[in-house]
N, C-alpha and C. Protein backbone atom coordinates (compact mmCIF):
# COMPACT_ATOMS: atom_id res chain seq x y z
N MET A 1 100.54 105.60 133.79
CA MET A 1 101.75 106.08 134.14
C MET A 1 102.82 105.68 133.01
N THR A 2 103.25 106.95 132.34
CA THR A 2 104.60 106.48 131.17
C THR A 2 105.63 106.18 132.02
N ASP A 3 106.75 105.39 131.34
CA ASP A 3 107.99 104.98 131.58
C ASP A 3 108.75 106.51 131.32
N LYS A 4 109.53 107.08 131.95
CA LYS A 4 110.17 108.19 131.75
C LYS A 4 111.69 107.79 131.47
N SER A 5 112.07 106.35 131.53
CA SER A 5 113.35 106.06 131.99
C SER A 5 113.93 106.42 130.82
N SER A 6 115.43 106.54 130.28
CA SER A 6 116.35 106.80 129.54
C SER A 6 115.74 105.22 128.32
N LEU A 7 115.91 104.14 128.74
CA LEU A 7 115.65 102.99 127.77
C LEU A 7 114.38 103.14 127.28
N ALA A 8 113.39 103.70 128.02
CA ALA A 8 111.85 103.88 127.49
C ALA A 8 112.14 104.81 126.40
N LEU A 9 112.93 106.09 126.52
CA LEU A 9 113.05 107.10 125.47
C LEU A 9 113.73 106.41 124.28
N LEU A 10 114.66 105.47 124.48
CA LEU A 10 115.49 105.14 123.16
C LEU A 10 114.81 103.92 122.77
N THR A 11 113.90 103.17 123.09
CA THR A 11 113.24 101.96 122.46
C THR A 11 111.57 102.10 122.90
N GLY A 12 111.22 102.62 123.12
CA GLY A 12 109.95 102.94 123.24
C GLY A 12 109.24 103.70 121.91
N PRO A 13 108.06 103.72 121.77
CA PRO A 13 107.30 105.02 120.67
C PRO A 13 107.81 106.31 121.00
N ALA A 14 108.02 106.83 119.62
CA ALA A 14 108.03 108.16 119.79
C ALA A 14 106.63 108.73 120.15
N PRO A 15 106.78 109.94 120.82
CA PRO A 15 105.47 110.93 120.93
C PRO A 15 104.89 111.30 119.83
N ARG A 16 103.64 111.31 119.63
CA ARG A 16 102.76 111.26 118.63
C ARG A 16 102.83 112.94 117.77
N PRO A 17 103.10 113.95 118.53
CA PRO A 17 103.78 115.08 118.13
C PRO A 17 104.90 115.01 116.90
N LEU A 18 106.10 114.15 117.76
CA LEU A 18 107.27 114.22 117.07
C LEU A 18 107.32 113.28 115.69
N VAL A 19 105.97 112.36 115.86
CA VAL A 19 105.83 111.26 114.75
C VAL A 19 105.43 112.25 113.42
N ASP A 20 104.28 112.97 114.16
CA ASP A 20 103.77 113.84 113.03
C ASP A 20 104.46 115.18 112.54
N GLY A 21 105.28 115.56 113.45
CA GLY A 21 106.32 116.71 112.80
C GLY A 21 107.10 116.40 111.84
N THR A 22 107.83 114.83 112.21
CA THR A 22 108.61 114.35 111.12
C THR A 22 107.81 113.91 109.72
N LEU A 23 107.05 113.40 109.74
CA LEU A 23 106.16 113.07 108.75
C LEU A 23 105.78 114.23 107.93
N LEU A 24 105.56 115.23 108.51
CA LEU A 24 105.53 116.57 107.63
C LEU A 24 106.79 116.85 107.04
N LEU A 25 107.94 116.94 107.57
CA LEU A 25 109.36 117.10 107.39
C LEU A 25 109.30 116.56 106.05
N LEU A 26 109.54 114.92 105.97
CA LEU A 26 109.48 113.67 104.94
C LEU A 26 108.39 114.20 103.65
N ARG A 27 107.38 114.66 104.23
CA ARG A 27 106.18 114.97 103.06
C ARG A 27 106.79 116.09 102.21
N LEU A 28 106.96 117.23 102.81
CA LEU A 28 107.37 118.68 102.37
C LEU A 28 108.75 118.30 101.67
N SER A 29 109.54 117.47 101.91
CA SER A 29 110.83 117.26 101.56
C SER A 29 110.74 116.79 100.08
N LEU A 30 109.72 115.49 100.19
CA LEU A 30 109.71 114.87 99.12
C LEU A 30 109.04 115.28 98.00
N GLY A 31 107.63 115.85 98.58
CA GLY A 31 107.10 116.89 97.41
C GLY A 31 107.53 117.78 96.74
N VAL A 32 108.84 118.56 97.13
CA VAL A 32 109.50 119.51 96.60
C VAL A 32 110.61 118.72 95.75
N ILE A 33 110.97 117.88 96.16
CA ILE A 33 111.99 117.22 95.23
C ILE A 33 111.24 116.38 94.05
N PHE A 34 109.99 115.80 94.16
CA PHE A 34 109.45 115.34 93.34
C PHE A 34 108.66 116.25 92.15
N PHE A 35 108.13 117.38 92.79
CA PHE A 35 107.64 118.10 91.92
C PHE A 35 108.69 118.95 91.08
N ALA A 36 109.70 119.18 91.53
CA ALA A 36 110.98 119.82 91.05
C ALA A 36 111.30 118.83 89.58
N HIS A 37 111.71 117.53 90.00
CA HIS A 37 111.59 116.80 88.92
C HIS A 37 110.75 116.37 87.79
N GLY A 38 109.72 116.39 87.99
CA GLY A 38 108.46 116.37 87.25
C GLY A 38 108.53 117.56 86.16
N TRP A 39 108.81 118.76 86.96
CA TRP A 39 108.57 120.10 86.38
C TRP A 39 109.75 120.17 85.17
N ASP A 40 110.96 119.94 85.79
CA ASP A 40 112.16 119.61 85.02
C ASP A 40 112.11 118.90 83.91
N THR A 41 111.60 117.57 84.20
CA THR A 41 111.24 116.80 82.87
C THR A 41 110.36 117.24 81.78
N LEU A 42 109.31 117.93 82.37
CA LEU A 42 108.48 118.41 81.46
C LEU A 42 109.03 119.51 80.48
N GLN A 43 109.79 120.17 81.37
CA GLN A 43 110.22 121.49 80.62
C GLN A 43 111.26 120.86 79.48
N ASN A 44 112.22 120.00 79.80
CA ASN A 44 113.27 119.71 79.35
C ASN A 44 113.19 118.44 78.11
N LEU A 45 112.34 117.65 78.48
CA LEU A 45 112.10 116.39 77.70
C LEU A 45 110.85 116.66 77.03
N GLY A 46 109.78 117.20 78.07
CA GLY A 46 108.21 117.07 77.25
C GLY A 46 107.60 115.38 77.34
N ILE A 47 106.55 115.64 77.21
CA ILE A 47 106.06 113.91 77.41
C ILE A 47 106.88 113.04 76.56
N ALA A 48 106.56 113.86 75.00
CA ALA A 48 107.41 112.79 73.86
C ALA A 48 108.96 112.20 74.16
N GLY A 49 109.37 113.39 74.60
CA GLY A 49 111.15 112.94 75.01
C GLY A 49 110.92 111.98 76.21
N THR A 50 110.22 111.99 76.90
CA THR A 50 110.05 111.06 78.16
C THR A 50 109.66 109.58 77.84
N ILE A 51 108.75 109.56 76.98
CA ILE A 51 108.47 108.37 76.52
C ILE A 51 109.66 107.82 75.65
N ASP A 52 110.31 108.60 74.53
CA ASP A 52 111.48 108.07 73.81
C ASP A 52 112.44 107.53 74.74
N LEU A 53 112.93 108.57 75.82
CA LEU A 53 114.13 108.12 76.61
C LEU A 53 113.46 106.74 77.49
N GLN A 54 112.09 106.34 77.83
CA GLN A 54 111.68 105.31 78.64
C GLN A 54 112.04 103.84 77.26
N ARG A 55 111.68 104.35 76.54
CA ARG A 55 111.57 103.23 75.36
C ARG A 55 113.40 103.03 74.94
N GLU A 56 114.18 104.00 74.84
CA GLU A 56 115.61 103.34 74.86
C GLU A 56 116.30 103.14 76.12
N SER A 57 115.58 103.21 77.14
CA SER A 57 115.85 102.55 78.64
C SER A 57 115.32 101.02 78.64
N GLY A 58 114.49 100.72 77.93
CA GLY A 58 114.10 99.44 77.95
C GLY A 58 112.51 99.18 78.98
N ILE A 59 112.25 100.24 79.20
CA ILE A 59 111.14 100.27 79.87
C ILE A 59 110.15 99.53 79.20
N PRO A 60 109.23 98.88 80.01
CA PRO A 60 107.82 98.08 79.14
C PRO A 60 107.02 99.25 78.88
N LEU A 61 105.97 99.23 77.99
CA LEU A 61 105.10 100.46 77.79
C LEU A 61 105.19 101.61 78.01
N PRO A 62 106.20 102.00 77.24
CA PRO A 62 106.72 103.62 77.47
C PRO A 62 105.68 105.12 77.03
N GLU A 63 104.54 104.50 76.59
CA GLU A 63 103.65 105.26 75.98
C GLU A 63 102.76 105.47 77.04
N LEU A 64 102.59 104.41 78.10
CA LEU A 64 102.29 104.58 79.44
C LEU A 64 103.04 104.99 80.40
N ALA A 65 103.90 104.25 80.51
CA ALA A 65 104.94 104.51 81.65
C ALA A 65 105.44 106.33 81.54
N GLY A 66 105.83 106.68 80.28
CA GLY A 66 106.18 108.24 80.44
C GLY A 66 105.19 109.35 81.11
N PRO A 67 103.75 109.20 80.32
CA PRO A 67 103.27 110.52 81.24
C PRO A 67 102.78 110.06 82.35
N PHE A 68 102.82 108.39 82.85
CA PHE A 68 102.28 108.41 84.22
C PHE A 68 103.70 108.84 85.32
N THR A 69 104.99 108.78 84.64
CA THR A 69 106.14 109.13 85.94
C THR A 69 105.98 110.56 85.67
N VAL A 70 105.75 111.20 84.52
CA VAL A 70 105.83 112.81 84.45
C VAL A 70 104.80 113.45 85.71
N PHE A 71 103.70 112.80 85.32
CA PHE A 71 102.39 113.63 86.00
C PHE A 71 102.46 112.77 87.37
N ALA A 72 102.78 111.63 87.66
CA ALA A 72 103.32 111.04 89.42
C ALA A 72 104.00 112.22 90.10
N GLU A 73 104.90 112.44 89.23
CA GLU A 73 105.95 113.74 89.74
C GLU A 73 105.37 115.12 90.20
N LEU A 74 104.46 115.57 88.80
CA LEU A 74 104.36 116.74 89.11
C LEU A 74 102.82 116.93 89.97
N ILE A 75 102.04 115.94 90.00
CA ILE A 75 100.63 115.86 90.70
C ILE A 75 101.03 115.34 92.32
N GLY A 76 101.92 114.46 92.45
CA GLY A 76 102.13 113.50 93.54
C GLY A 76 103.13 114.12 94.49
N GLY A 77 103.76 115.30 93.91
CA GLY A 77 104.46 115.88 94.94
C GLY A 77 103.99 116.79 95.42
N PRO A 78 103.25 117.63 95.02
CA PRO A 78 102.46 118.72 95.94
C PRO A 78 101.15 118.05 96.59
N LEU A 79 100.88 116.84 96.12
CA LEU A 79 99.91 116.41 97.38
C LEU A 79 100.39 115.64 98.32
N LEU A 80 101.88 115.22 98.07
CA LEU A 80 102.50 114.83 99.56
C LEU A 80 102.68 116.06 100.32
N ALA A 81 103.33 117.12 99.63
CA ALA A 81 103.85 118.26 100.67
C ALA A 81 102.43 118.71 101.28
N LEU A 82 101.40 118.78 100.73
CA LEU A 82 99.92 118.88 101.58
C LEU A 82 99.41 117.85 101.92
N GLY A 83 100.09 116.71 101.88
CA GLY A 83 99.41 115.67 102.79
C GLY A 83 97.98 115.39 102.63
N ALA A 84 97.95 115.53 101.03
CA ALA A 84 96.55 115.02 100.32
C ALA A 84 96.60 113.80 99.89
N LEU A 85 95.54 112.77 99.91
CA LEU A 85 95.89 111.48 99.26
C LEU A 85 97.21 111.09 99.41
N THR A 86 97.82 110.89 100.23
CA THR A 86 99.37 111.17 100.55
C THR A 86 99.69 109.29 100.27
N ARG A 87 98.81 108.57 100.71
CA ARG A 87 99.05 107.15 100.51
C ARG A 87 98.99 106.71 99.05
N PRO A 88 98.00 106.96 98.10
CA PRO A 88 98.20 106.74 97.00
C PRO A 88 99.10 107.60 95.76
N ALA A 89 99.30 108.68 96.49
CA ALA A 89 100.31 109.43 95.75
C ALA A 89 101.76 108.93 96.20
N ALA A 90 102.17 108.41 97.44
CA ALA A 90 103.29 107.98 97.91
C ALA A 90 103.50 106.53 97.08
N ALA A 91 102.43 105.81 96.86
CA ALA A 91 102.53 104.46 96.30
C ALA A 91 103.00 104.87 94.95
N ALA A 92 102.32 105.59 94.10
CA ALA A 92 102.34 105.87 92.61
C ALA A 92 103.92 106.40 92.44
N LEU A 93 104.20 107.24 93.23
CA LEU A 93 105.73 107.67 93.44
C LEU A 93 106.76 106.68 93.36
N GLY A 94 106.32 105.83 94.62
CA GLY A 94 107.33 104.63 95.00
C GLY A 94 107.57 103.63 93.74
N VAL A 95 106.37 103.42 93.09
CA VAL A 95 106.51 102.74 91.86
C VAL A 95 107.20 103.24 90.52
N VAL A 96 107.02 104.65 90.86
CA VAL A 96 108.30 105.27 89.50
C VAL A 96 109.67 105.30 89.97
N MET A 97 109.52 105.13 91.15
CA MET A 97 111.07 105.18 91.76
C MET A 97 111.49 103.28 91.64
N ALA A 98 110.72 102.43 91.95
CA ALA A 98 110.94 101.52 91.57
C ALA A 98 111.33 100.94 90.14
N GLY A 99 110.45 101.27 89.22
CA GLY A 99 111.17 101.49 87.95
C GLY A 99 112.38 102.01 87.50
N ALA A 100 112.75 103.20 88.06
CA ALA A 100 114.10 103.85 87.48
C ALA A 100 115.14 103.36 88.43
N ILE A 101 114.85 102.32 89.49
CA ILE A 101 115.97 101.73 89.98
C ILE A 101 116.13 100.26 89.08
N ALA A 102 114.97 99.52 89.03
CA ALA A 102 115.17 98.26 88.28
C ALA A 102 115.86 98.72 86.93
N PHE A 103 115.09 99.78 85.71
CA PHE A 103 115.60 99.76 84.70
C PHE A 103 116.50 100.74 84.47
N ILE A 104 116.93 101.52 85.28
CA ILE A 104 117.99 102.52 84.87
C ILE A 104 119.03 102.49 85.77
N HIS A 105 118.72 102.83 87.11
CA HIS A 105 120.23 102.83 87.93
C HIS A 105 120.81 101.68 88.54
N ALA A 106 120.24 100.57 88.59
CA ALA A 106 120.98 99.24 89.20
C ALA A 106 122.18 99.02 88.55
N PRO A 107 122.16 98.81 87.03
CA PRO A 107 123.20 98.54 86.47
C PRO A 107 124.57 99.54 87.07
N HIS A 108 124.29 100.23 87.55
CA HIS A 108 125.31 101.05 87.59
C HIS A 108 125.78 101.29 89.05
N GLY A 109 125.49 100.32 89.84
CA GLY A 109 125.65 100.33 91.52
C GLY A 109 125.18 101.08 92.33
N ILE A 110 125.98 101.39 93.41
CA ILE A 110 125.02 102.05 94.58
C ILE A 110 125.05 103.49 94.28
N PHE A 111 126.55 104.19 94.05
CA PHE A 111 126.63 105.27 94.14
C PHE A 111 126.15 106.31 92.88
N VAL A 112 125.66 107.47 93.43
CA VAL A 112 124.85 108.50 92.90
C VAL A 112 125.89 109.11 91.42
N GLU A 113 126.79 109.34 91.99
CA GLU A 113 127.89 109.79 90.97
C GLU A 113 128.13 109.08 89.82
N ASN A 114 128.03 107.48 90.13
CA ASN A 114 128.20 106.63 88.91
C ASN A 114 126.89 106.54 88.04
N GLY A 115 125.63 106.93 88.65
CA GLY A 115 124.49 107.02 88.19
C GLY A 115 123.87 105.48 88.68
N GLY A 116 124.21 105.32 90.00
CA GLY A 116 123.88 104.24 90.94
C GLY A 116 122.50 104.22 91.39
N VAL A 117 121.80 103.47 92.40
CA VAL A 117 120.42 103.37 93.04
C VAL A 117 120.74 104.63 94.15
N GLU A 118 121.51 104.74 94.82
CA GLU A 118 121.44 105.67 96.23
C GLU A 118 120.53 106.45 96.34
N LEU A 119 120.31 107.48 95.49
CA LEU A 119 119.33 108.76 95.84
C LEU A 119 117.93 107.97 95.36
N VAL A 120 117.81 106.86 94.41
CA VAL A 120 116.30 106.85 94.16
C VAL A 120 115.71 105.58 94.97
N LEU A 121 116.75 104.93 95.58
CA LEU A 121 116.69 103.87 96.45
C LEU A 121 115.84 104.39 97.85
N VAL A 122 116.56 105.89 98.58
CA VAL A 122 116.19 106.34 99.24
C VAL A 122 114.83 106.89 99.29
N LEU A 123 114.36 107.90 98.02
CA LEU A 123 113.20 107.95 97.84
C LEU A 123 112.09 107.13 97.58
N ALA A 124 112.67 106.11 97.09
CA ALA A 124 111.78 104.79 97.21
C ALA A 124 111.28 104.24 98.32
N ALA A 125 112.07 104.06 99.31
CA ALA A 125 111.99 103.73 100.87
C ALA A 125 111.26 104.86 101.45
N ALA A 126 111.25 106.37 101.13
CA ALA A 126 110.63 106.99 102.00
C ALA A 126 109.17 107.25 101.33
N CYS A 127 109.10 106.93 100.06
CA CYS A 127 107.53 106.64 99.72
C CYS A 127 106.96 105.46 100.06
N LEU A 128 107.67 104.56 100.54
CA LEU A 128 107.20 103.37 101.10
C LEU A 128 106.71 103.52 102.43
N VAL A 129 107.77 104.58 103.31
CA VAL A 129 107.03 104.89 104.71
C VAL A 129 105.84 105.60 104.60
N LEU A 130 105.89 106.69 103.71
CA LEU A 130 104.24 107.65 103.59
C LEU A 130 103.27 106.67 103.43
N ALA A 131 103.43 105.40 102.39
CA ALA A 131 102.27 104.85 101.78
C ALA A 131 101.72 103.75 103.17
N VAL A 132 102.56 103.38 103.96
CA VAL A 132 102.36 102.53 104.78
C VAL A 132 101.86 103.57 106.34
N GLN A 133 102.31 104.68 106.63
CA GLN A 133 102.17 105.48 107.85
C GLN A 133 101.14 106.56 107.38
N GLY A 134 100.93 106.88 106.32
CA GLY A 134 100.01 108.11 105.72
C GLY A 134 100.88 109.45 106.28
N ALA A 135 100.00 110.41 105.96
CA ALA A 135 100.36 111.80 106.24
C ALA A 135 100.57 112.34 107.86
N GLY A 136 99.95 111.55 108.49
CA GLY A 136 100.09 112.11 110.28
C GLY A 136 99.46 113.15 109.94
N ARG A 137 99.10 113.82 111.39
CA ARG A 137 98.08 115.05 111.79
C ARG A 137 98.16 116.31 110.90
N PHE A 138 99.30 116.53 110.56
CA PHE A 138 99.65 117.77 110.14
C PHE A 138 99.27 117.97 108.48
N GLY A 139 98.60 117.51 108.15
CA GLY A 139 98.20 117.47 106.43
C GLY A 139 96.85 117.71 106.25
N VAL A 140 96.22 117.44 105.10
CA VAL A 140 94.98 117.30 104.70
C VAL A 140 94.40 116.05 105.03
N ASP A 141 94.99 114.87 105.18
CA ASP A 141 94.31 113.73 105.30
C ASP A 141 94.37 113.65 106.67
N GLY A 142 95.13 114.51 107.59
CA GLY A 142 95.09 114.21 109.09
C GLY A 142 93.76 114.98 109.34
N LEU A 143 93.65 116.18 108.72
CA LEU A 143 92.72 116.86 108.92
C LEU A 143 91.19 116.39 108.90
N ILE A 144 91.18 115.69 107.77
CA ILE A 144 89.65 114.68 107.28
C ILE A 144 89.72 114.04 108.25
N ALA A 145 90.91 112.98 108.79
CA ALA A 145 90.23 112.12 109.66
C ALA A 145 90.01 112.28 111.21
N ALA A 146 90.58 113.73 111.41
CA ALA A 146 90.18 114.39 112.73
C ALA A 146 88.70 114.63 112.94
N ARG A 147 88.36 115.33 111.57
CA ARG A 147 86.93 115.72 111.28
C ARG A 147 86.16 114.69 111.39
N ARG A 148 86.85 113.37 110.65
CA ARG A 148 85.48 112.44 110.68
C ARG A 148 85.28 111.48 112.43
N SER A 149 86.51 111.63 112.91
CA SER A 149 86.59 111.04 114.19
C SER A 149 85.85 111.90 115.26
N THR A 150 85.65 113.13 115.12
CA THR A 150 84.78 114.00 115.88
C THR A 150 83.33 113.81 115.56
N GLN A 151 83.21 113.72 114.21
CA GLN A 151 81.65 113.23 113.77
C GLN A 151 81.37 112.05 114.05
N THR A 152 81.94 111.36 114.26
CA THR A 152 81.87 110.03 114.42
C THR A 152 81.44 109.78 116.10
N ARG A 153 82.19 110.42 116.64
CA ARG A 153 82.07 110.41 118.51
C ARG A 153 80.76 111.06 118.57
N ARG A 154 80.47 112.01 117.88
CA ARG A 154 79.15 113.03 118.25
C ARG A 154 77.92 112.22 118.10
N SER A 155 78.01 111.06 116.91
CA SER A 155 77.00 110.56 116.45
C SER A 155 76.79 109.27 117.28
N ILE A 156 77.96 108.81 117.96
CA ILE A 156 77.51 107.45 119.05
C ILE A 156 76.59 107.74 119.97
N PRO A 157 75.48 107.20 120.36
CA PRO A 157 74.54 107.52 121.67
C PRO A 157 75.17 107.05 122.78
N VAL A 158 75.12 108.13 123.49
CA VAL A 158 75.50 107.85 125.12
C VAL A 158 74.77 107.19 125.86
């Protein structure tokens, strides 16, 4: 029997459909933001321009970090939106955001209008949530997990 008291609703675990729906909303939002940013970077700077910008910003190994950044956003964004390879995509994007915080935004304080960490920190935290929690049921990863679970139950002798 579940406790439906007000305290349980405030302090207990959220219902699974609500968690999965919230993860879907988070994935879709991040997916659009990261893909749009990666596309904008590719169109306006290109890979060479991104490498140059990262070199000027003091980012180590800009020849690796530049393409990694662009492709993590261009590929990772849609993967998040689909809920496919969510944990590795979110981890890669989290690394990109951590680098952006450390090498570009931290010296400018908190507020985004001053070039600060405000937005990038939220994006990094959201990536961390998805890297730990995964896609939830409403994504490719969730469908694969559900299918595996069904197959495992069928293969267990009764």
